[in-house]
Protein backbone atom coordinates (compact mmCIF):
# COMPACT_ATOMS: atom_id res chain seq x y z
CA MET A 1 20.11 3.99 -15.37
CA ARG A 2 20.68 0.77 -13.01
CA ASP A 3 21.72 4.08 -10.42
CA GLN A 4 18.67 5.76 -11.04
CA VAL A 5 16.57 3.04 -10.02
CA ALA A 6 17.46 2.12 -6.50
CA PRO A 7 16.17 5.30 -5.08
CA PHE A 8 12.59 4.42 -6.53
CA THR A 9 13.03 0.60 -5.64
CA ALA A 10 13.33 1.48 -2.68
CA LEU A 11 10.89 3.94 -2.43
CA ALA A 12 8.35 1.37 -4.22
CA ALA A 13 8.92 -1.03 -1.73
CA LEU A 14 8.30 1.08 1.28
CA SER A 15 4.75 2.09 -0.51
CA LEU A 16 4.28 -1.27 -1.04
CA ALA A 17 4.79 -1.62 2.57
CA GLY A 18 2.12 1.02 2.85
CA LEU A 19 -0.03 -1.06 0.98
CA LEU A 20 0.09 -4.10 3.29
CA LEU A 21 -1.11 -1.59 5.64
CA ALA A 22 -4.29 -1.05 3.68
CA PRO A 23 -5.32 -4.87 2.05
CA PRO A 24 -8.33 -4.34 -0.53
CA ALA A 25 -9.38 -7.67 0.80
CA LEU A 26 -11.18 -6.75 4.27
CA ALA A 27 -11.98 -9.69 6.82
CA ALA A 28 -15.95 -10.24 7.53
CA GLY A 29 -16.79 -6.44 7.80
CA PRO A 30 -18.08 -3.68 5.54
CA SER A 31 -17.83 -4.09 1.81
CA ILE A 32 -16.10 -1.45 -0.32
CA GLU A 33 -16.95 -1.01 -4.30
CA PRO A 34 -14.75 -3.21 -6.56
CA GLY A 35 -12.82 -1.26 -9.32
CA LEU A 36 -10.42 1.74 -8.98
CA TRP A 37 -8.74 2.32 -6.12
CA GLU A 38 -6.04 5.74 -5.12
CA VAL A 39 -4.08 5.23 -2.34
CA GLN A 40 -2.48 8.29 -0.52
CA SER A 41 0.05 7.94 1.56
CA ASP A 42 1.75 9.86 4.05
CA MET A 43 4.81 8.21 5.81
CA GLN A 44 7.23 9.58 8.65
CA THR A 45 10.18 8.10 10.15
CA PRO A 46 10.46 9.77 13.54
CA ASP A 47 13.35 7.54 14.57
CA ARG A 48 15.25 8.35 11.54
CA PRO A 49 14.98 11.87 10.26
CA GLU A 50 17.10 11.59 7.35
CA LEU A 51 15.06 9.15 6.35
CA ALA A 52 12.01 11.29 5.41
CA ALA A 53 14.70 13.87 3.57
CA GLN A 54 15.84 10.88 1.29
CA MET A 55 11.77 9.76 1.08
CA ALA A 56 11.22 13.85 -0.09
CA LYS A 57 14.34 13.74 -2.20
CA ALA A 58 12.84 10.38 -4.06
CA ARG A 59 9.31 12.01 -4.37
CA GLU A 60 10.83 14.95 -6.17
CA GLN A 61 13.21 12.75 -8.66
CA MET A 62 9.97 10.18 -9.14
CA LYS A 63 8.24 13.41 -10.52
CA ASN A 64 11.49 14.17 -13.07
CA MET A 65 12.12 10.35 -13.70
CA PRO A 66 13.49 9.70 -17.53
CA PRO A 67 10.66 8.01 -19.23
CA GLU A 68 12.53 4.96 -20.09
CA VAL A 69 12.77 4.33 -15.97
CA ARG A 70 9.45 5.36 -15.31
CA LYS A 71 8.02 2.87 -17.24
CA MET A 72 10.26 0.03 -16.24
CA MET A 73 9.15 0.86 -12.61
CA GLU A 74 5.70 1.06 -13.23
CA GLN A 75 5.75 -2.25 -15.25
CA GLN A 76 7.21 -3.79 -12.14
CA LEU A 77 4.50 -2.82 -10.35
CA SER A 78 1.57 -2.90 -12.45
CA LYS A 79 2.91 -7.03 -11.72
CA SER A 80 1.68 -6.52 -8.10
CA GLY A 81 -1.50 -4.72 -9.24
CA VAL A 82 -0.21 -1.29 -8.72
CA GLY A 83 -0.26 1.79 -10.87
CA LEU A 84 2.04 5.20 -9.91
CA THR A 85 -0.13 8.56 -10.09
CA LYS A 86 1.02 11.88 -9.04
CA ASN A 87 -1.08 11.81 -5.96
CA GLY A 88 0.16 7.91 -4.53
CA ILE A 89 -0.61 4.96 -6.21
CA ARG A 90 -3.85 2.94 -7.95
CA MET A 91 -4.90 -0.41 -7.36
CA CYS A 92 -7.78 -2.32 -8.93
CA VAL A 93 -9.97 -4.45 -6.23
CA SER A 94 -11.50 -7.52 -7.81
CA PRO A 95 -15.62 -8.13 -6.46
CA GLU A 96 -14.12 -11.07 -4.62
CA GLN A 97 -11.30 -8.49 -2.60
CA ALA A 98 -14.32 -6.02 -2.23
CA ARG A 99 -16.84 -8.78 -0.52
CA GLY A 100 -15.56 -8.38 3.18
CA ASP A 101 -16.29 -12.00 3.92
CA ARG A 102 -12.66 -13.15 3.70
CA PRO A 103 -9.24 -12.64 5.49
CA PRO A 104 -6.51 -11.02 3.13
CA LYS A 105 -4.93 -14.15 1.77
CA THR A 106 -0.93 -14.18 2.58
CA GLU A 107 -0.43 -14.46 -1.43
CA GLU A 108 -1.28 -10.41 -1.75
CA ASN A 109 2.19 -10.43 -0.07
CA PRO A 110 3.89 -13.72 0.44
CA HIS A 111 6.37 -11.92 2.61
CA CYS A 112 4.06 -10.79 4.93
CA THR A 113 1.44 -12.16 7.70
CA HIS A 114 -1.65 -11.03 9.20
CA SER A 115 -2.60 -11.94 12.71
CA GLN A 116 -5.03 -11.02 15.87
CA ALA A 117 -7.00 -9.12 13.13
CA GLN A 118 -10.83 -8.14 14.19
CA TRP A 119 -13.34 -6.17 13.29
CA SER A 120 -15.42 -4.07 15.73
CA GLY A 121 -17.91 -2.24 13.63
CA ASN A 122 -16.27 -0.78 10.44
CA THR A 123 -12.91 -1.03 12.30
CA TRP A 124 -10.31 -3.83 11.71
CA ARG A 125 -7.25 -3.85 13.63
CA GLY A 126 -4.35 -6.47 13.91
CA GLU A 127 -0.64 -6.69 13.29
CA PHE A 128 1.31 -8.35 10.81
CA VAL A 129 4.84 -9.69 10.53
CA CYS A 130 7.16 -9.26 7.41
CA THR A 131 10.06 -11.04 5.94
CA GLN A 132 10.76 -8.75 3.58
CA PRO A 133 11.66 -6.18 4.06
CA PRO A 134 11.91 -7.06 8.06
CA GLY A 135 9.68 -5.82 10.02
CA LYS A 136 6.70 -6.11 12.37
CA GLY A 137 4.06 -3.65 13.12
CA SER A 138 0.14 -3.03 13.86
CA PHE A 139 -2.15 -1.52 11.86
CA GLU A 140 -6.17 0.05 11.85
CA THR A 141 -7.90 0.36 9.06
CA VAL A 142 -11.79 2.36 9.23
CA VAL A 143 -13.99 1.74 6.41
CA ILE A 144 -15.94 5.72 6.59
CA ASP A 145 -18.30 4.03 3.30
CA ARG A 146 -18.12 1.64 0.49
CA LYS A 147 -16.05 3.87 -1.63
CA HIS A 148 -13.65 5.64 1.55
CA TYR A 149 -11.60 4.19 3.49
CA THR A 150 -8.03 5.48 5.92
CA THR A 151 -5.14 3.01 7.65
CA GLN A 152 -2.65 4.09 10.27
CA GLY A 153 0.13 1.55 10.90
CA THR A 154 3.15 1.65 12.14
CA MET A 155 6.23 -0.53 11.22
CA GLN A 156 9.43 -1.91 12.91
CA THR A 157 12.27 -2.19 10.62
CA GLN A 158 15.92 -2.33 10.98
CA GLN A 159 15.90 1.07 9.75
CA GLY A 160 13.35 2.48 12.50
CA THR A 161 10.07 2.85 12.98
CA ILE A 162 8.00 4.00 9.89
CA LYS A 163 3.83 5.60 10.77
CA THR A 164 1.88 5.75 7.52
CA ARG A 165 -1.91 7.22 7.20
CA ASN A 166 -3.42 5.77 3.85
CA GLU A 167 -6.31 7.86 2.15
CA ALA A 168 -7.80 5.54 -0.15
CA ARG A 169 -10.67 6.38 -2.61
CA TRP A 170 -12.71 4.62 -5.11
CA LEU A 171 -12.37 6.00 -8.22
CA GLN A 172 -14.83 3.99 -11.13
CA ALA A 173 -15.73 0.24 -11.53
CA ASP A 174 -13.53 0.22 -14.61
CA CYS A 175 -9.59 -0.44 -13.96
CA GLY A 176 -8.35 -0.33 -17.72
CA THR A 177 -5.16 -2.36 -18.25
CA LEU A 178 -4.39 -2.29 -14.40
CA LYS A 179 -5.14 -5.57 -13.04
CA PRO A 180 -6.25 -6.69 -9.41
CA ALA A 181 -3.76 -7.79 -6.68
CA ARG A 182 -2.77 -11.55 -6.68
């Protein structure tokens, strides 16, 4: 079972790196709706086309993973406030995170820090550095309305460049059993 978990753990780490590029706590900008959000991510690895093939294979494996492996992965991710879906991930955004009147806290991802993040209208741009996995990059989040935002980002890692595009949509006010990310 451990061999089956390794590719999924790597995929989860990349998915969470994509989440970093779309933090729910927006700083001094437009508010979003609190509640359950779905984030669909598209990742590209222009420096390493073989990583794109590995990601595609991992996504296919995720669709067919044994129930016990999926349950273990879902439990691990839920501790970070993330749930898996067929189309991406789900996350719970608390009213405090949705307000838009405070900067993202580093405890939301203790291995990453933001810098030079600032609002211009409905667009938030900034840079980040992560120690685990090691990398640095930049992001741009555009709040389309209270129930929809997009984020694009580029991250330089030891494995090469990762480009992401996230599309986040509000689903409902009730998060069910999923707790907000810390």
